[in-house]
Protein backbone atom coordinates (compact mmCIF):
# COMPACT_ATOMS: atom_id res chain seq x y z
CA UNK A 1 28.18 13.01 0.40
CA UNK A 2 28.60 11.17 -2.87
CA UNK A 3 26.10 10.21 -5.54
CA UNK A 4 27.27 7.76 -8.16
CA UNK A 5 26.65 8.61 -11.79
CA UNK A 6 25.01 6.25 -14.27
CA UNK A 7 26.68 6.07 -17.69
CA UNK A 8 24.70 4.84 -20.68
CA UNK A 9 26.10 4.80 -24.22
CA UNK A 10 28.93 7.02 -23.07
CA UNK A 11 26.56 9.68 -21.71
CA UNK A 12 26.15 10.41 -18.01
CA UNK A 13 22.54 9.88 -17.01
CA UNK A 14 21.16 12.17 -14.37
CA UNK A 15 19.30 10.27 -11.67
CA UNK A 16 16.48 11.62 -9.54
CA UNK A 17 18.74 11.76 -6.50
CA UNK A 18 21.42 13.72 -8.37
CA UNK A 19 18.83 16.20 -9.56
CA UNK A 20 17.51 16.56 -6.03
CA UNK A 21 20.97 17.14 -4.54
CA UNK A 22 21.95 19.58 -7.28
CA UNK A 23 18.73 21.54 -6.90
CA UNK A 24 19.24 21.71 -3.14
CA UNK A 25 22.77 23.03 -3.59
CA UNK A 26 21.63 25.65 -6.08
CA UNK A 27 18.72 26.74 -3.92
CA UNK A 28 21.06 27.04 -0.95
CA UNK A 29 23.23 29.49 -2.86
CA UNK A 30 20.23 31.54 -3.99
CA UNK A 31 18.43 31.98 -0.72
CA UNK A 32 19.69 35.55 -0.42
CA UNK A 33 22.12 37.09 2.06
CA UNK A 34 23.64 34.86 4.66
CA UNK A 35 25.76 35.82 7.65
CA UNK A 36 28.97 35.79 5.60
CA UNK A 37 27.53 38.21 3.07
CA UNK A 38 26.27 40.42 5.86
CA UNK A 39 29.71 40.44 7.47
CA UNK A 40 31.37 41.34 4.18
CA UNK A 41 29.01 44.26 3.74
CA UNK A 42 29.77 45.45 7.27
CA UNK A 43 33.52 45.29 6.67
CA UNK A 44 33.14 47.09 3.33
CA UNK A 45 31.10 49.81 5.01
CA UNK A 46 33.80 50.33 7.63
CA UNK A 47 36.52 50.30 5.00
CA UNK A 48 34.94 52.79 2.63
CA UNK A 49 33.18 55.09 5.07
CA UNK A 50 33.54 58.83 4.74
CA UNK A 51 36.42 59.87 7.04
CA UNK A 52 34.79 63.28 7.48
CA UNK A 53 31.51 61.69 8.59
CA UNK A 54 32.48 58.35 10.05
CA UNK A 55 29.86 55.90 11.19
CA UNK A 56 29.15 56.25 14.86
CA UNK A 57 29.88 53.50 17.36
CA UNK A 58 26.18 53.25 18.08
CA UNK A 59 25.47 52.35 14.46
CA UNK A 60 28.24 49.74 14.46
CA UNK A 61 26.83 48.16 17.60
CA UNK A 62 23.37 48.15 16.10
CA UNK A 63 24.63 46.53 12.90
CA UNK A 64 26.63 43.96 14.83
CA UNK A 65 23.56 43.11 16.85
CA UNK A 66 21.65 42.63 13.61
CA UNK A 67 24.46 40.40 12.36
CA UNK A 68 24.22 38.27 15.51
CA UNK A 69 20.48 37.94 15.07
CA UNK A 70 20.88 36.81 11.47
CA UNK A 71 23.45 34.21 12.53
CA UNK A 72 21.22 32.88 15.29
CA UNK A 73 18.22 32.68 12.97
CA UNK A 74 20.22 30.75 10.41
CA UNK A 75 21.51 28.35 13.02
CA UNK A 76 17.97 27.86 14.31
CA UNK A 77 16.66 27.21 10.81
CA UNK A 78 19.43 24.67 10.18
CA UNK A 79 18.66 22.89 13.44
CA UNK A 80 14.96 22.77 12.67
CA UNK A 81 15.65 21.38 9.19
CA UNK A 82 17.89 18.67 10.65
CA UNK A 83 15.26 17.83 13.26
CA UNK A 84 12.60 17.68 10.58
CA UNK A 85 14.70 15.35 8.45
CA UNK A 86 15.67 13.16 11.43
CA UNK A 87 12.02 12.70 12.36
CA UNK A 88 11.46 11.03 8.98
CA UNK A 89 13.85 8.14 9.63
CA UNK A 90 11.98 4.84 9.39
CA UNK A 91 8.88 6.48 7.92
CA UNK A 92 7.30 6.14 4.52
CA UNK A 93 7.70 9.30 2.43
CA UNK A 94 6.69 10.59 -1.00
CA UNK A 95 9.41 12.41 -2.92
CA UNK A 96 8.99 14.58 -5.99
CA UNK A 97 11.99 15.59 -8.09
CA UNK A 98 12.49 17.38 -11.37
CA UNK A 99 15.26 16.31 -13.74
CA UNK A 100 17.26 18.51 -16.12
CA UNK A 101 14.60 18.14 -18.82
CA UNK A 102 11.92 19.56 -16.55
CA UNK A 103 10.16 16.23 -16.16
CA UNK A 104 8.66 15.69 -12.74
CA UNK A 105 9.04 12.29 -11.09
CA UNK A 106 7.55 10.90 -7.93
CA UNK A 107 8.70 7.97 -5.85
CA UNK A 108 7.90 6.42 -2.52
CA UNK A 109 10.10 4.69 0.04
CA UNK A 110 11.21 4.42 3.63
CA UNK A 111 13.84 6.88 4.89
CA UNK A 112 16.90 4.88 5.90
CA UNK A 113 19.07 7.64 7.37
CA UNK A 114 19.70 11.39 7.25
CA UNK A 115 22.91 13.20 6.39
CA UNK A 116 23.62 16.90 6.85
CA UNK A 117 26.23 18.75 4.79
CA UNK A 118 26.75 22.36 3.75
CA UNK A 119 23.81 23.49 5.87
CA UNK A 120 21.45 21.17 3.95
CA UNK A 121 19.76 17.99 5.08
CA UNK A 122 19.46 14.95 2.82
CA UNK A 123 17.40 11.79 3.29
CA UNK A 124 18.40 8.38 1.99
CA UNK A 125 15.66 6.36 0.26
CA UNK A 126 16.52 3.03 -1.39
CA UNK A 127 20.20 3.90 -1.16
CA UNK A 128 19.83 7.27 -2.91
CA UNK A 129 20.11 10.74 -1.37
CA UNK A 130 17.38 13.34 -1.83
CA UNK A 131 17.04 16.86 -0.50
CA UNK A 132 14.65 17.09 2.42
CA UNK A 133 12.91 19.89 0.49
CA UNK A 134 11.83 17.32 -2.11
CA UNK A 135 9.85 15.35 0.47
CA UNK A 136 6.25 16.27 -0.27
CA UNK A 137 4.53 13.93 2.19
CA UNK A 138 5.19 11.66 5.15
CA UNK A 139 2.76 8.76 4.92
CA UNK A 140 1.45 6.67 7.78
CA UNK A 141 1.80 2.96 6.94
CA UNK A 142 -1.70 2.22 8.23
CA UNK A 143 -3.06 4.84 5.85
CA UNK A 144 -0.97 3.52 2.97
CA UNK A 145 -2.14 -0.06 3.57
CA UNK A 146 -5.77 1.04 3.59
CA UNK A 147 -5.23 3.09 0.44
CA UNK A 148 -3.59 0.18 -1.40
CA UNK A 149 -6.35 -2.22 -0.36
CA UNK A 150 -9.01 0.19 -1.59
CA UNK A 151 -7.27 0.58 -4.93
CA UNK A 152 -6.98 -3.20 -5.39
CA UNK A 153 -10.62 -3.67 -4.39
CA UNK A 154 -11.86 -1.01 -6.82
CA UNK A 155 -9.77 -2.46 -9.66
CA UNK A 156 -11.18 -5.95 -9.05
CA UNK A 157 -14.74 -4.61 -8.88
CA UNK A 158 -14.28 -2.81 -12.20
CA UNK A 159 -13.55 -6.19 -13.81
CA UNK A 160 -17.01 -7.48 -12.83
CA UNK A 161 -20.21 -6.68 -14.74
CA UNK A 162 -23.32 -5.19 -13.21
CA UNK A 163 -25.71 -7.55 -11.43
CA UNK A 164 -27.83 -8.14 -14.56
CA UNK A 165 -24.77 -9.43 -16.42
CA UNK A 166 -23.57 -11.70 -13.62
CA UNK A 167 -23.12 -15.45 -14.22
CA UNK A 168 -22.05 -18.40 -12.11
CA UNK A 169 -18.59 -18.09 -13.64
CA UNK A 170 -18.11 -14.96 -11.51
CA UNK A 171 -18.94 -16.77 -8.26
CA UNK A 172 -15.34 -17.30 -7.16
CA UNK A 173 -14.44 -13.65 -7.72
CA UNK A 174 -17.56 -12.36 -5.96
CA UNK A 175 -16.95 -14.66 -2.98
CA UNK A 176 -13.32 -13.53 -2.75
CA UNK A 177 -14.29 -9.85 -2.84
CA UNK A 178 -16.96 -10.38 -0.21
CA UNK A 179 -14.54 -12.18 2.09
CA UNK A 180 -11.86 -9.56 1.47
CA UNK A 181 -14.24 -6.71 2.27
CA UNK A 182 -15.51 -8.41 5.43
CA UNK A 183 -11.93 -8.99 6.62
CA UNK A 184 -11.10 -5.27 6.37
CA UNK A 185 -11.21 -3.00 9.36
CA UNK A 186 -13.76 -0.19 9.49
CA UNK A 187 -10.94 2.27 8.78
CA UNK A 188 -9.89 0.35 5.67
CA UNK A 189 -13.49 0.03 4.47
CA UNK A 190 -13.90 3.80 4.75
CA UNK A 191 -11.46 4.22 1.84
CA UNK A 192 -13.76 2.35 -0.55
CA UNK A 193 -16.30 4.53 -2.39
CA UNK A 194 -19.89 3.95 -1.33
CA UNK A 195 -20.95 3.14 -4.90
CA UNK A 196 -18.59 0.16 -4.99
CA UNK A 197 -19.89 -1.16 -1.67
CA UNK A 198 -23.45 -0.95 -2.99
CA UNK A 199 -22.41 -2.73 -6.17
CA UNK A 200 -20.83 -5.54 -4.14
CA UNK A 201 -24.04 -5.97 -2.15
CA UNK A 202 -26.09 -6.26 -5.35
CA UNK A 203 -23.63 -8.76 -6.82
CA UNK A 204 -23.72 -10.90 -3.68
CA UNK A 205 -27.55 -10.92 -3.69
CA UNK A 206 -27.71 -11.75 -7.39
CA UNK A 207 -25.14 -14.51 -7.01
CA UNK A 208 -27.20 -16.05 -4.21
CA UNK A 209 -30.21 -16.12 -6.57
CA UNK A 210 -28.19 -17.77 -9.31
CA UNK A 211 -26.90 -20.43 -6.93
CA UNK A 212 -30.42 -21.05 -5.60
CA UNK A 213 -31.74 -21.41 -9.15
CA UNK A 214 -29.02 -23.91 -9.94
CA UNK A 215 -29.88 -25.96 -6.85
CA UNK A 216 -33.58 -25.86 -7.72
CA UNK A 217 -32.85 -27.43 -11.10
CA UNK A 218 -31.43 -30.61 -9.51
CA UNK A 219 -34.47 -32.40 -7.81
CA UNK A 220 -35.54 -34.48 -10.90
CA UNK A 221 -32.15 -36.07 -11.19
CA UNK A 222 -32.02 -36.63 -7.44
CA UNK A 223 -35.42 -38.48 -7.46
CA UNK A 224 -34.19 -40.85 -10.16
CA UNK A 225 -31.11 -41.56 -8.12
CA UNK A 226 -33.27 -42.09 -5.02
CA UNK A 227 -35.54 -44.52 -6.91
CA UNK A 228 -32.60 -46.52 -8.15
CA UNK A 229 -31.23 -46.68 -4.63
CA UNK A 230 -34.54 -47.90 -3.22
CA UNK A 231 -34.85 -50.44 -6.02
CA UNK A 232 -31.37 -51.71 -5.31
CA UNK A 233 -32.09 -51.93 -1.60
CA UNK A 234 -35.35 -53.83 -2.31
CA UNK A 235 -33.52 -56.31 -4.48
CA UNK A 236 -30.90 -56.89 -1.79
CA UNK A 237 -33.66 -57.36 0.79
CA UNK A 238 -35.46 -59.93 -1.40
CA UNK A 239 -32.25 -61.82 -1.94
CA UNK A 240 -31.59 -61.82 1.78
CA UNK A 241 -35.07 -63.20 2.52
CA UNK A 242 -34.64 -65.93 -0.08
CA UNK A 243 -31.35 -66.97 1.45
CA UNK A 244 -32.96 -67.01 4.91
CA UNK A 245 -35.82 -69.15 3.72
CA UNK A 246 -33.38 -71.59 2.21
CA UNK A 247 -31.51 -71.73 5.47
CA UNK A 248 -34.75 -72.44 7.40
CA UNK A 249 -35.63 -75.26 5.08
CA UNK A 250 -32.20 -76.77 5.52
CA UNK A 251 -32.60 -76.47 9.26
CA UNK A 252 -35.90 -78.30 9.23
CA UNK A 253 -34.47 -81.12 7.22
CA UNK A 254 -31.59 -81.36 9.60
CA UNK A 255 -34.06 -81.35 12.49
CA UNK A 256 -35.97 -84.24 10.98
CA UNK A 257 -32.88 -86.27 10.64
CA UNK A 258 -31.96 -85.71 14.27
CA UNK A 259 -35.34 -86.66 15.40
CA UNK A 260 -35.17 -89.87 13.42
CA UNK A 261 -31.77 -90.69 14.83
CA UNK A 262 -33.09 -90.16 18.29
């Protein structure tokens, strides 16, 4: 397992992944007695026992049985940790690490793969390795999508005034928020606070009133346009009648001439 170091101005910068790996290694060495330490104690006990009162075989068997139990428990714990880490592959996780200055950092990403070394499991997120112990949450993507939509919706709503301060300039934004809310699933809508839903309803109602008031202010101009149209049509009709009359007169004259020729 290798984690590349970042050098800036000649100084090695500690990344979040390096801090995570280092902390995991240190915690692994401070978890208390492992099977090797237990075995060393057993050997030391046998080596330095009182020859006049040696430890009985029964005690040795009992201690060896305890040693076997410790080894099996450690192997089980390692297997469970590896299984836990492997189950995160392909899932969205939240990771929290603490650097050398004590500053806590959080990041989010999809687990790409899992590696297991020195009895510790590490997950790869965005090409960096982190201890599985630093994973604080495994997030369902459906949940995360709903959460992100709710945050974006709330932020957009905060940019709008209350209904009494609404103007027609806000119409496009209000329409977009209404369409966005209506396109959400019931699960996604459940992430939005009730107060924001009520505010949206008031804004939509107020915007409808503003639009209706704007439409009501147009009839006078429309009547003038209608009058001009009728006037124009009347003029065209008069001209058409005049032309027709002229044509009838010409026809009569022509008729007279034919009759005379006959």
